[in-house]
């Protein structure tokens, strides 16, 4: 697989149209997200693209201070390319990235991929009583 597929953090390679299309129409967590929001999120994140040649097949982004904490989000592989081990390739690249070593905490939210993340040491929150959130699930739907 190493010869066919690769992961890159080079932002100039990202297919922003494809990323926005997936996030705004297929990703349960960000339906109707505006393109300008996706562009701004990419701009302020460490982004990972999965490629076959120049075609982007997957994406993930990490929001981090590169010292203590990282949030992993917007992880996806296009449906036509699932089942090829690409999510594992992507996660290995993220978890082994030089600038993301030695962090005290990683966080993510997922509704359906617990098995993938557990392979890389992720666990349920041990004590949910210490976590708070301010969550607006309709934020993108309300912006018309």
N, C-alpha and C. Protein backbone atom coordinates (compact mmCIF):
# COMPACT_ATOMS: atom_id res chain seq x y z
N UNK A 1 0.82 -1.20 0.00
CA UNK A 1 0.00 0.00 0.00
C UNK A 1 0.86 1.25 0.00
N UNK A 2 2.05 1.22 0.56
CA UNK A 2 2.89 2.40 0.65
C UNK A 2 3.19 3.01 -0.73
N UNK A 3 3.26 2.19 -1.76
CA UNK A 3 3.57 2.70 -3.09
C UNK A 3 2.37 3.36 -3.75
N UNK A 4 1.17 2.93 -3.39
CA UNK A 4 -0.03 3.47 -4.02
C UNK A 4 -0.57 4.70 -3.29
N UNK A 5 -0.60 4.66 -1.98
CA UNK A 5 -1.24 5.69 -1.18
C UNK A 5 -0.21 6.40 -0.31
N UNK A 6 -0.50 7.68 -0.02
CA UNK A 6 0.40 8.41 0.86
C UNK A 6 -0.41 9.43 1.65
N UNK A 7 0.17 9.87 2.76
CA UNK A 7 -0.43 10.90 3.59
C UNK A 7 0.51 12.10 3.57
N UNK A 8 -0.07 13.28 3.45
CA UNK A 8 0.72 14.51 3.42
C UNK A 8 0.05 15.57 4.30
N UNK A 9 0.89 16.44 4.87
CA UNK A 9 0.38 17.60 5.62
C UNK A 9 0.54 18.89 4.82
N UNK A 10 0.87 18.78 3.55
CA UNK A 10 1.04 19.96 2.70
C UNK A 10 -0.32 20.54 2.34
N UNK A 11 -0.64 21.70 2.88
CA UNK A 11 -1.96 22.30 2.67
C UNK A 11 -2.25 22.63 1.21
N UNK A 12 -1.22 22.95 0.45
CA UNK A 12 -1.45 23.30 -0.95
C UNK A 12 -1.97 22.12 -1.77
N UNK A 13 -1.83 20.91 -1.26
CA UNK A 13 -2.33 19.73 -1.96
C UNK A 13 -3.80 19.44 -1.67
N UNK A 14 -4.34 20.05 -0.62
CA UNK A 14 -5.71 19.74 -0.20
C UNK A 14 -6.72 20.13 -1.26
N UNK A 15 -7.69 19.26 -1.48
CA UNK A 15 -8.80 19.51 -2.39
C UNK A 15 -9.94 20.09 -1.54
N UNK A 16 -9.92 21.40 -1.37
CA UNK A 16 -10.87 22.07 -0.48
C UNK A 16 -12.31 21.86 -0.95
N UNK A 17 -12.54 21.82 -2.24
CA UNK A 17 -13.89 21.58 -2.76
C UNK A 17 -14.41 20.21 -2.30
N UNK A 18 -13.59 19.19 -2.44
CA UNK A 18 -13.98 17.85 -2.04
C UNK A 18 -14.21 17.78 -0.53
N UNK A 19 -13.30 18.39 0.24
CA UNK A 19 -13.42 18.39 1.70
C UNK A 19 -14.72 19.07 2.11
N UNK A 20 -14.98 20.24 1.55
CA UNK A 20 -16.21 20.95 1.88
C UNK A 20 -17.44 20.15 1.48
N UNK A 21 -17.42 19.57 0.29
CA UNK A 21 -18.57 18.77 -0.16
C UNK A 21 -18.84 17.64 0.82
N UNK A 22 -17.81 16.91 1.22
CA UNK A 22 -18.01 15.80 2.14
C UNK A 22 -18.54 16.30 3.48
N UNK A 23 -17.87 17.30 4.04
CA UNK A 23 -18.27 17.78 5.37
C UNK A 23 -19.67 18.39 5.37
N UNK A 24 -20.04 19.07 4.32
CA UNK A 24 -21.33 19.77 4.29
C UNK A 24 -22.51 18.89 3.89
N UNK A 25 -22.24 17.76 3.20
CA UNK A 25 -23.35 16.93 2.71
C UNK A 25 -23.36 15.50 3.23
N UNK A 26 -22.24 15.00 3.74
CA UNK A 26 -22.17 13.59 4.14
C UNK A 26 -21.78 13.36 5.59
N UNK A 27 -21.08 14.29 6.20
CA UNK A 27 -20.58 14.12 7.58
C UNK A 27 -21.66 14.52 8.57
N UNK A 28 -22.14 13.57 9.37
CA UNK A 28 -23.23 13.85 10.31
C UNK A 28 -22.88 14.98 11.27
N UNK A 29 -21.61 15.22 11.53
CA UNK A 29 -21.19 16.20 12.52
C UNK A 29 -21.13 17.63 11.98
N UNK A 30 -21.20 17.81 10.66
CA UNK A 30 -21.01 19.16 10.12
C UNK A 30 -21.90 19.46 8.91
N UNK A 31 -23.05 18.83 8.84
CA UNK A 31 -23.94 19.06 7.71
C UNK A 31 -24.22 20.55 7.53
N UNK A 32 -24.18 20.97 6.30
CA UNK A 32 -24.43 22.36 5.90
C UNK A 32 -23.36 23.35 6.36
N UNK A 33 -22.19 22.86 6.73
CA UNK A 33 -21.11 23.76 7.14
C UNK A 33 -20.75 24.67 5.95
N UNK A 34 -20.67 25.96 6.16
CA UNK A 34 -20.32 26.86 5.06
C UNK A 34 -18.87 26.65 4.60
N UNK A 35 -18.64 26.87 3.32
CA UNK A 35 -17.30 26.69 2.77
C UNK A 35 -16.29 27.60 3.45
N UNK A 36 -16.67 28.84 3.75
CA UNK A 36 -15.73 29.75 4.39
C UNK A 36 -15.33 29.26 5.79
N UNK A 37 -16.20 28.53 6.45
CA UNK A 37 -15.87 27.95 7.76
C UNK A 37 -14.86 26.82 7.59
N UNK A 38 -15.04 25.99 6.57
CA UNK A 38 -14.10 24.91 6.28
C UNK A 38 -12.73 25.49 5.94
N UNK A 39 -12.70 26.50 5.11
CA UNK A 39 -11.43 27.13 4.71
C UNK A 39 -10.71 27.69 5.94
N UNK A 40 -11.44 28.37 6.81
CA UNK A 40 -10.83 28.93 8.02
C UNK A 40 -10.34 27.83 8.95
N UNK A 41 -11.10 26.76 9.09
CA UNK A 41 -10.69 25.63 9.93
C UNK A 41 -9.40 25.00 9.41
N UNK A 42 -9.32 24.82 8.10
CA UNK A 42 -8.11 24.27 7.48
C UNK A 42 -6.92 25.19 7.74
N UNK A 43 -7.14 26.46 7.56
CA UNK A 43 -6.08 27.46 7.73
C UNK A 43 -5.46 27.41 9.13
N UNK A 44 -6.28 27.11 10.13
CA UNK A 44 -5.83 27.16 11.52
C UNK A 44 -5.61 25.78 12.14
N UNK A 45 -5.43 24.76 11.32
CA UNK A 45 -5.24 23.40 11.80
C UNK A 45 -4.06 22.74 11.11
N UNK A 46 -3.55 21.69 11.73
CA UNK A 46 -2.59 20.81 11.08
C UNK A 46 -3.42 19.77 10.33
N UNK A 47 -3.37 19.81 9.01
CA UNK A 47 -4.23 18.98 8.19
C UNK A 47 -3.47 17.82 7.56
N UNK A 48 -4.17 16.71 7.42
CA UNK A 48 -3.62 15.50 6.83
C UNK A 48 -4.52 15.08 5.67
N UNK A 49 -3.93 14.90 4.51
CA UNK A 49 -4.66 14.40 3.36
C UNK A 49 -4.14 13.03 2.98
N UNK A 50 -5.04 12.16 2.55
CA UNK A 50 -4.67 10.84 2.03
C UNK A 50 -4.82 10.92 0.52
N UNK A 51 -3.79 10.47 -0.19
CA UNK A 51 -3.75 10.63 -1.65
C UNK A 51 -3.39 9.34 -2.35
N UNK A 52 -3.95 9.22 -3.55
CA UNK A 52 -3.50 8.24 -4.53
C UNK A 52 -3.12 9.09 -5.73
N UNK A 53 -1.83 9.19 -6.00
CA UNK A 53 -1.37 10.15 -7.00
C UNK A 53 -1.71 11.54 -6.50
N UNK A 54 -2.38 12.32 -7.34
CA UNK A 54 -2.78 13.67 -6.93
C UNK A 54 -4.22 13.72 -6.43
N UNK A 55 -4.93 12.59 -6.47
CA UNK A 55 -6.33 12.56 -6.03
C UNK A 55 -6.42 12.38 -4.51
N UNK A 56 -7.14 13.28 -3.86
CA UNK A 56 -7.33 13.19 -2.42
C UNK A 56 -8.48 12.26 -2.11
N UNK A 57 -8.23 11.28 -1.23
CA UNK A 57 -9.22 10.27 -0.88
C UNK A 57 -9.71 10.38 0.56
N UNK A 58 -8.99 11.14 1.38
CA UNK A 58 -9.37 11.25 2.79
C UNK A 58 -8.77 12.48 3.41
N UNK A 59 -9.19 12.75 4.65
CA UNK A 59 -8.81 13.99 5.32
C UNK A 59 -8.94 13.82 6.82
N UNK A 60 -8.15 14.59 7.54
CA UNK A 60 -8.29 14.76 8.99
C UNK A 60 -7.58 16.05 9.35
N UNK A 61 -8.00 16.64 10.46
CA UNK A 61 -7.28 17.81 10.93
C UNK A 61 -7.11 17.74 12.43
N UNK A 62 -6.01 18.34 12.87
CA UNK A 62 -5.66 18.36 14.29
C UNK A 62 -5.54 19.82 14.71
N UNK A 63 -6.26 20.16 15.76
CA UNK A 63 -6.16 21.48 16.38
C UNK A 63 -5.28 21.28 17.61
N UNK A 64 -4.18 22.01 17.70
CA UNK A 64 -3.22 21.74 18.77
C UNK A 64 -2.38 22.95 19.11
N UNK A 65 -1.81 22.91 20.32
CA UNK A 65 -0.80 23.90 20.69
C UNK A 65 0.61 23.31 20.51
N UNK A 66 0.69 22.07 20.03
CA UNK A 66 1.94 21.35 19.78
C UNK A 66 2.75 21.13 21.06
N UNK A 67 2.14 21.29 22.22
CA UNK A 67 2.85 21.14 23.48
C UNK A 67 2.11 20.25 24.47
N UNK A 68 0.80 20.49 24.62
CA UNK A 68 0.07 19.79 25.68
C UNK A 68 -1.19 19.08 25.22
N UNK A 69 -1.84 19.58 24.18
CA UNK A 69 -3.16 19.05 23.83
C UNK A 69 -3.39 19.06 22.32
N UNK A 70 -4.21 18.12 21.86
CA UNK A 70 -4.62 18.07 20.46
C UNK A 70 -6.04 17.57 20.37
N UNK A 71 -6.80 18.18 19.49
CA UNK A 71 -8.15 17.73 19.17
C UNK A 71 -8.12 17.18 17.75
N UNK A 72 -8.57 15.96 17.58
CA UNK A 72 -8.63 15.32 16.27
C UNK A 72 -10.05 15.43 15.74
N UNK A 73 -10.21 15.96 14.54
CA UNK A 73 -11.55 16.12 14.00
C UNK A 73 -11.61 16.00 12.50
N UNK A 74 -12.83 15.96 12.01
CA UNK A 74 -13.12 15.91 10.57
C UNK A 74 -12.39 14.78 9.86
N UNK A 75 -12.34 13.64 10.50
CA UNK A 75 -11.64 12.47 9.93
C UNK A 75 -12.59 11.74 8.99
N UNK A 76 -12.15 11.55 7.74
CA UNK A 76 -12.97 10.76 6.82
C UNK A 76 -12.14 10.21 5.67
N UNK A 77 -12.63 9.12 5.13
CA UNK A 77 -12.16 8.53 3.87
C UNK A 77 -13.38 8.51 2.96
N UNK A 78 -13.23 8.94 1.72
CA UNK A 78 -14.34 8.91 0.79
C UNK A 78 -14.89 7.49 0.68
N UNK A 79 -16.21 7.39 0.60
CA UNK A 79 -16.88 6.09 0.64
C UNK A 79 -16.34 5.10 -0.41
N UNK A 80 -16.06 5.56 -1.59
CA UNK A 80 -15.57 4.68 -2.67
C UNK A 80 -14.20 4.08 -2.36
N UNK A 81 -13.50 4.61 -1.38
CA UNK A 81 -12.14 4.15 -1.08
C UNK A 81 -12.02 3.51 0.30
N UNK A 82 -13.13 3.27 0.95
CA UNK A 82 -13.11 2.62 2.26
C UNK A 82 -12.83 1.14 2.10
N UNK A 83 -12.33 0.54 3.17
CA UNK A 83 -12.03 -0.89 3.15
C UNK A 83 -10.66 -1.21 2.57
N UNK A 84 -9.84 -0.20 2.35
CA UNK A 84 -8.50 -0.40 1.78
C UNK A 84 -7.40 -0.14 2.80
N UNK A 85 -7.77 0.06 4.06
CA UNK A 85 -6.78 0.35 5.09
C UNK A 85 -6.35 1.80 5.15
N UNK A 86 -7.06 2.68 4.46
CA UNK A 86 -6.64 4.08 4.41
C UNK A 86 -6.86 4.81 5.73
N UNK A 87 -7.90 4.46 6.48
CA UNK A 87 -8.10 5.11 7.78
C UNK A 87 -6.96 4.74 8.73
N UNK A 88 -6.48 3.53 8.63
CA UNK A 88 -5.34 3.11 9.46
C UNK A 88 -4.07 3.85 9.02
N UNK A 89 -3.85 3.98 7.73
CA UNK A 89 -2.71 4.72 7.21
C UNK A 89 -2.76 6.16 7.71
N UNK A 90 -3.94 6.77 7.66
CA UNK A 90 -4.13 8.13 8.12
C UNK A 90 -3.86 8.26 9.62
N UNK A 91 -4.43 7.37 10.42
CA UNK A 91 -4.22 7.42 11.87
C UNK A 91 -2.76 7.20 12.25
N UNK A 92 -2.08 6.30 11.57
CA UNK A 92 -0.66 6.08 11.85
C UNK A 92 0.15 7.34 11.57
N UNK A 93 -0.17 8.03 10.48
CA UNK A 93 0.53 9.27 10.15
C UNK A 93 0.27 10.34 11.21
N UNK A 94 -0.96 10.43 11.67
CA UNK A 94 -1.30 11.43 12.68
C UNK A 94 -0.62 11.10 14.00
N UNK A 95 -0.77 9.90 14.47
CA UNK A 95 -0.25 9.52 15.78
C UNK A 95 1.28 9.49 15.82
N UNK A 96 1.93 9.35 14.67
CA UNK A 96 3.39 9.31 14.61
C UNK A 96 4.02 10.63 14.14
N UNK A 97 3.21 11.64 13.90
CA UNK A 97 3.73 12.93 13.42
C UNK A 97 4.69 13.51 14.46
N UNK A 98 5.85 13.93 14.01
CA UNK A 98 6.90 14.42 14.92
C UNK A 98 6.42 15.51 15.86
N UNK A 99 5.62 16.44 15.37
CA UNK A 99 5.21 17.58 16.20
C UNK A 99 4.06 17.27 17.15
N UNK A 100 3.56 16.02 17.11
CA UNK A 100 2.44 15.65 17.97
C UNK A 100 2.84 14.62 19.02
N UNK A 101 4.11 14.50 19.28
CA UNK A 101 4.60 13.55 20.28
C UNK A 101 4.68 14.23 21.65
N UNK A 102 4.44 13.47 22.70
CA UNK A 102 4.60 13.96 24.06
C UNK A 102 3.48 14.86 24.55
N UNK A 103 2.34 14.85 23.87
CA UNK A 103 1.21 15.65 24.32
C UNK A 103 0.57 15.00 25.56
N UNK A 104 0.09 15.82 26.47
CA UNK A 104 -0.55 15.31 27.68
C UNK A 104 -1.93 14.73 27.37
N UNK A 105 -2.65 15.34 26.43
CA UNK A 105 -4.02 14.89 26.16
C UNK A 105 -4.37 15.04 24.69
N UNK A 106 -5.05 14.03 24.19
CA UNK A 106 -5.70 14.06 22.88
C UNK A 106 -7.20 13.94 23.14
N UNK A 107 -8.00 14.62 22.34
CA UNK A 107 -9.45 14.48 22.46
C UNK A 107 -10.06 14.37 21.06
N UNK A 108 -11.22 13.72 21.00
CA UNK A 108 -12.00 13.65 19.77
C UNK A 108 -13.42 13.30 20.13
N UNK A 109 -14.30 13.54 19.20
CA UNK A 109 -15.69 13.15 19.32
C UNK A 109 -16.00 12.27 18.13
N UNK A 110 -16.63 11.12 18.37
CA UNK A 110 -17.01 10.26 17.26
C UNK A 110 -18.29 9.52 17.61
N UNK A 111 -19.12 9.36 16.63
CA UNK A 111 -20.36 8.63 16.82
C UNK A 111 -20.32 7.23 16.26
N UNK A 112 -19.24 6.88 15.54
CA UNK A 112 -19.28 5.59 14.86
C UNK A 112 -17.94 4.91 14.60
N UNK A 113 -16.85 5.47 15.06
CA UNK A 113 -15.54 4.89 14.70
C UNK A 113 -14.70 4.52 15.92
N UNK A 114 -15.35 4.17 17.00
CA UNK A 114 -14.62 3.85 18.23
C UNK A 114 -13.56 2.77 18.04
N UNK A 115 -13.90 1.74 17.26
CA UNK A 115 -12.97 0.63 17.04
C UNK A 115 -11.66 1.07 16.40
N UNK A 116 -11.75 1.98 15.43
CA UNK A 116 -10.54 2.49 14.77
C UNK A 116 -9.64 3.17 15.78
N UNK A 117 -10.19 4.08 16.56
CA UNK A 117 -9.38 4.88 17.48
C UNK A 117 -8.83 4.04 18.63
N UNK A 118 -9.57 3.06 19.08
CA UNK A 118 -9.10 2.20 20.17
C UNK A 118 -7.83 1.44 19.76
N UNK A 119 -7.68 1.15 18.47
CA UNK A 119 -6.46 0.49 17.98
C UNK A 119 -5.22 1.34 18.21
N UNK A 120 -5.42 2.64 18.42
CA UNK A 120 -4.30 3.58 18.62
C UNK A 120 -4.25 4.10 20.05
N UNK A 121 -4.88 3.36 20.97
CA UNK A 121 -4.78 3.67 22.39
C UNK A 121 -5.85 4.60 22.94
N UNK A 122 -6.78 5.04 22.12
CA UNK A 122 -7.84 5.93 22.59
C UNK A 122 -8.79 5.15 23.49
N UNK A 123 -9.33 5.83 24.50
CA UNK A 123 -10.27 5.22 25.44
C UNK A 123 -11.41 6.19 25.72
N UNK A 124 -12.51 5.64 26.27
CA UNK A 124 -13.59 6.51 26.71
C UNK A 124 -13.06 7.40 27.83
N UNK A 125 -13.69 8.55 28.00
CA UNK A 125 -13.29 9.47 29.07
C UNK A 125 -13.47 8.76 30.41
N UNK A 126 -12.41 8.75 31.21
CA UNK A 126 -12.43 8.04 32.48
C UNK A 126 -13.38 8.70 33.49
N UNK A 127 -13.40 10.01 33.51
CA UNK A 127 -14.24 10.72 34.47
C UNK A 127 -14.95 11.85 33.75
N UNK A 128 -16.14 11.58 33.27
CA UNK A 128 -16.88 12.58 32.50
C UNK A 128 -17.34 13.75 33.37
N UNK A 129 -17.24 13.63 34.70
CA UNK A 129 -17.68 14.72 35.56
C UNK A 129 -16.75 15.92 35.51
N UNK A 130 -15.54 15.76 34.95
CA UNK A 130 -14.61 16.89 34.86
C UNK A 130 -14.71 17.62 33.52
N UNK A 131 -15.55 17.14 32.63
CA UNK A 131 -15.70 17.73 31.31
C UNK A 131 -16.96 18.57 31.23
N UNK A 132 -16.85 19.70 30.60
CA UNK A 132 -17.99 20.56 30.29
C UNK A 132 -17.95 20.87 28.80
N UNK A 133 -19.10 21.25 28.26
CA UNK A 133 -19.12 21.65 26.87
C UNK A 133 -20.16 22.73 26.64
N UNK A 134 -19.93 23.48 25.61
CA UNK A 134 -20.89 24.44 25.08
C UNK A 134 -21.09 24.01 23.64
N UNK A 135 -22.24 23.41 23.33
CA UNK A 135 -22.43 22.75 22.05
C UNK A 135 -23.67 23.30 21.36
N UNK A 136 -23.54 23.68 20.11
CA UNK A 136 -24.66 24.17 19.31
C UNK A 136 -24.73 23.34 18.04
N UNK A 137 -25.44 22.20 18.08
CA UNK A 137 -25.48 21.32 16.91
C UNK A 137 -26.17 21.92 15.69
N UNK A 138 -26.93 22.97 15.87
CA UNK A 138 -27.62 23.59 14.74
C UNK A 138 -26.94 24.83 14.21
N UNK A 139 -25.70 25.08 14.60
CA UNK A 139 -25.02 26.32 14.24
C UNK A 139 -24.96 26.55 12.73
N UNK A 140 -24.75 25.51 11.93
CA UNK A 140 -24.65 25.69 10.48
C UNK A 140 -26.02 25.79 9.83
N UNK A 141 -26.99 25.09 10.38
CA UNK A 141 -28.35 25.14 9.83
C UNK A 141 -28.97 26.52 10.04
N UNK A 142 -28.59 27.17 11.11
CA UNK A 142 -29.16 28.48 11.44
C UNK A 142 -28.59 29.61 10.59
N UNK A 143 -27.48 29.36 9.93
CA UNK A 143 -26.82 30.40 9.10
C UNK A 143 -27.25 30.28 7.65
N UNK A 144 -28.26 30.90 7.27
CA UNK A 144 -28.69 30.79 5.86
C UNK A 144 -28.57 32.10 5.16
